[in-house]
Amino acid sequence: AEEELNAWLSQDVCEKFHRFVRMDADPKLRGCPRCSRLCSPSTSEDGNVVAEMCCEDCDCSFCYYHSNAHEKGSEACSAYERIVVKQQLSDA
């Protein structure tokens, strides 16, 4: 099956396919907004995801939930979430 994919699909499409297979196998993976590397989040002692992430390849800091939509830090994450909810309510 792998050889058939490589024969029928371009290298770019094959790479995208393998990326989606990895993401499907591990739904916690997130793509770095700078270099696109798939990164695994840290977890706290109680097993919850730590929202602040840092790419091992390019050292980019980003949010597990919102990527690079806000500044680093839990306060910025909460403030962004409030803005999104407020916008969704006004659009409804």
C-alpha atoms as a PDB file:
ATOM      1  CA  ALA A   1       0.000   0.000   0.000  1.00  0.00           C
ATOM      2  CA  GLU A   2       2.856   2.400   0.833  1.00  0.00           C
ATOM      3  CA  GLU A   3       4.546   1.730  -2.496  1.00  0.00           C
ATOM      4  CA  GLU A   4       1.261   2.260  -4.337  1.00  0.00           C
ATOM      5  CA  LEU A   5       0.754   5.622  -2.658  1.00  0.00           C
ATOM      6  CA  ASN A   6       4.250   6.718  -3.637  1.00  0.00           C
ATOM      7  CA  ALA A   7       3.681   5.554  -7.210  1.00  0.00           C
ATOM      8  CA  TRP A   8       0.358   7.340  -7.671  1.00  0.00           C
ATOM      9  CA  LEU A   9       0.781  10.489  -5.593  1.00  0.00           C
ATOM     10  CA  SER A  10       3.274  13.328  -5.694  1.00  0.00           C
ATOM     11  CA  GLN A  11       5.850  13.578  -2.917  1.00  0.00           C
ATOM     12  CA  ASP A  12       4.059  16.648  -1.521  1.00  0.00           C
ATOM     13  CA  VAL A  13       0.718  14.836  -1.322  1.00  0.00           C
ATOM     14  CA  CYS A  14       2.377  11.779   0.253  1.00  0.00           C
ATOM     15  CA  GLU A  15       3.981  13.981   2.917  1.00  0.00           C
ATOM     16  CA  LYS A  16       0.615  15.604   3.667  1.00  0.00           C
ATOM     17  CA  PHE A  17      -1.012  12.181   3.883  1.00  0.00           C
ATOM     18  CA  HIS A  18       1.597  10.929   6.371  1.00  0.00           C
ATOM     19  CA  ARG A  19       1.205  14.127   8.395  1.00  0.00           C
ATOM     20  CA  PHE A  20      -2.553  13.610   8.644  1.00  0.00           C
ATOM     21  CA  VAL A  21      -2.053   9.938   9.553  1.00  0.00           C
ATOM     22  CA  ARG A  22       0.210  11.016  12.447  1.00  0.00           C
ATOM     23  CA  MET A  23      -2.299  13.663  13.550  1.00  0.00           C
ATOM     24  CA  ASP A  24      -5.140  11.139  13.388  1.00  0.00           C
ATOM     25  CA  ALA A  25      -3.132   8.677  15.492  1.00  0.00           C
ATOM     26  CA  ASP A  26      -2.310  11.381  18.066  1.00  0.00           C
ATOM     27  CA  PRO A  27      -4.991  14.119  18.188  1.00  0.00           C
ATOM     28  CA  LYS A  28      -2.895  16.123  20.665  1.00  0.00           C
ATOM     29  CA  LEU A  29      -0.239  16.902  18.043  1.00  0.00           C
ATOM     30  CA  ARG A  30      -0.147  20.523  16.903  1.00  0.00           C
ATOM     31  CA  GLY A  31       1.622  22.062  13.930  1.00  0.00           C
ATOM     32  CA  CYS A  32       4.142  24.772  14.704  1.00  0.00           C
ATOM     33  CA  PRO A  33       2.879  28.036  13.168  1.00  0.00           C
ATOM     34  CA  ARG A  34       6.419  28.952  12.069  1.00  0.00           C
ATOM     35  CA  CYS A  35       7.958  25.756  10.649  1.00  0.00           C
ATOM     36  CA  SER A  36       4.978  23.325  10.579  1.00  0.00           C
ATOM     37  CA  ARG A  37       6.743  20.649  12.661  1.00  0.00           C
ATOM     38  CA  LEU A  38       4.261  18.473  14.540  1.00  0.00           C
ATOM     39  CA  CYS A  39       4.733  19.079  18.265  1.00  0.00           C
ATOM     40  CA  SER A  40       3.417  17.189  21.287  1.00  0.00           C
ATOM     41  CA  PRO A  41       2.196  19.246  24.232  1.00  0.00           C
ATOM     42  CA  SER A  42       3.432  18.824  27.764  1.00  0.00           C
ATOM     43  CA  THR A  43       0.963  17.563  30.323  1.00  0.00           C
ATOM     44  CA  SER A  44       0.524  18.548  33.941  1.00  0.00           C
ATOM     45  CA  GLU A  45       0.671  16.055  36.800  1.00  0.00           C
ATOM     46  CA  ASP A  46      -3.104  15.556  36.549  1.00  0.00           C
ATOM     47  CA  GLY A  47      -2.811  14.698  32.839  1.00  0.00           C
ATOM     48  CA  ASN A  48      -4.178  17.956  31.432  1.00  0.00           C
ATOM     49  CA  VAL A  49      -2.527  19.586  28.435  1.00  0.00           C
ATOM     50  CA  VAL A  50      -0.261  22.556  29.189  1.00  0.00           C
ATOM     51  CA  ALA A  51      -1.412  25.212  26.708  1.00  0.00           C
ATOM     52  CA  GLU A  52       1.964  26.909  26.275  1.00  0.00           C
ATOM     53  CA  MET A  53       4.000  25.034  23.676  1.00  0.00           C
ATOM     54  CA  CYS A  54       7.453  25.546  22.187  1.00  0.00           C
ATOM     55  CA  CYS A  55       8.683  24.005  18.942  1.00  0.00           C
ATOM     56  CA  GLU A  56      11.850  21.952  19.393  1.00  0.00           C
ATOM     57  CA  ASP A  57      13.045  22.793  15.867  1.00  0.00           C
ATOM     58  CA  CYS A  58      12.598  26.578  15.636  1.00  0.00           C
ATOM     59  CA  ASP A  59      11.925  27.615  19.274  1.00  0.00           C
ATOM     60  CA  CYS A  60       8.596  29.227  18.340  1.00  0.00           C
ATOM     61  CA  SER A  61       6.217  29.649  21.295  1.00  0.00           C
ATOM     62  CA  PHE A  62       2.530  29.059  20.602  1.00  0.00           C
ATOM     63  CA  CYS A  63      -0.729  28.030  22.221  1.00  0.00           C
ATOM     64  CA  TYR A  64      -2.057  24.473  22.082  1.00  0.00           C
ATOM     65  CA  TYR A  65      -5.597  25.812  21.655  1.00  0.00           C
ATOM     66  CA  HIS A  66      -5.111  28.981  19.580  1.00  0.00           C
ATOM     67  CA  SER A  67      -1.751  28.530  17.803  1.00  0.00           C
ATOM     68  CA  ASN A  68      -0.211  31.995  17.403  1.00  0.00           C
ATOM     69  CA  ALA A  69      -3.421  34.030  17.743  1.00  0.00           C
ATOM     70  CA  HIS A  70      -2.293  35.679  20.990  1.00  0.00           C
ATOM     71  CA  GLU A  71       0.764  36.524  23.042  1.00  0.00           C
ATOM     72  CA  LYS A  72       2.437  33.949  25.284  1.00  0.00           C
ATOM     73  CA  GLY A  73       0.892  33.254  28.680  1.00  0.00           C
ATOM     74  CA  SER A  74      -2.266  31.990  30.335  1.00  0.00           C
ATOM     75  CA  GLU A  75      -3.680  35.512  30.816  1.00  0.00           C
ATOM     76  CA  ALA A  76      -3.372  36.242  27.094  1.00  0.00           C
ATOM     77  CA  CYS A  77      -4.989  32.871  26.316  1.00  0.00           C
ATOM     78  CA  SER A  78      -7.941  33.596  28.611  1.00  0.00           C
ATOM     79  CA  ALA A  79      -8.345  37.118  27.210  1.00  0.00           C
ATOM     80  CA  TYR A  80      -8.330  35.772  23.650  1.00  0.00           C
ATOM     81  CA  GLU A  81     -10.925  33.145  24.565  1.00  0.00           C
ATOM     82  CA  ARG A  82     -13.194  35.855  26.009  1.00  0.00           C
ATOM     83  CA  ILE A  83     -12.874  37.879  22.788  1.00  0.00           C
ATOM     84  CA  VAL A  84     -13.751  34.840  20.670  1.00  0.00           C
ATOM     85  CA  VAL A  85     -16.790  33.956  22.796  1.00  0.00           C
ATOM     86  CA  LYS A  86     -17.984  37.562  22.755  1.00  0.00           C
ATOM     87  CA  GLN A  87     -17.618  37.674  18.949  1.00  0.00           C
ATOM     88  CA  GLN A  88     -19.485  34.380  18.556  1.00  0.00           C
ATOM     89  CA  LEU A  89     -22.350  35.660  20.712  1.00  0.00           C
ATOM     90  CA  SER A  90     -22.610  38.883  18.727  1.00  0.00           C
ATOM     91  CA  ASP A  91     -22.613  36.923  15.442  1.00  0.00           C
ATOM     92  CA  ALA A  92     -25.433  34.631  16.584  1.00  0.00           C
END
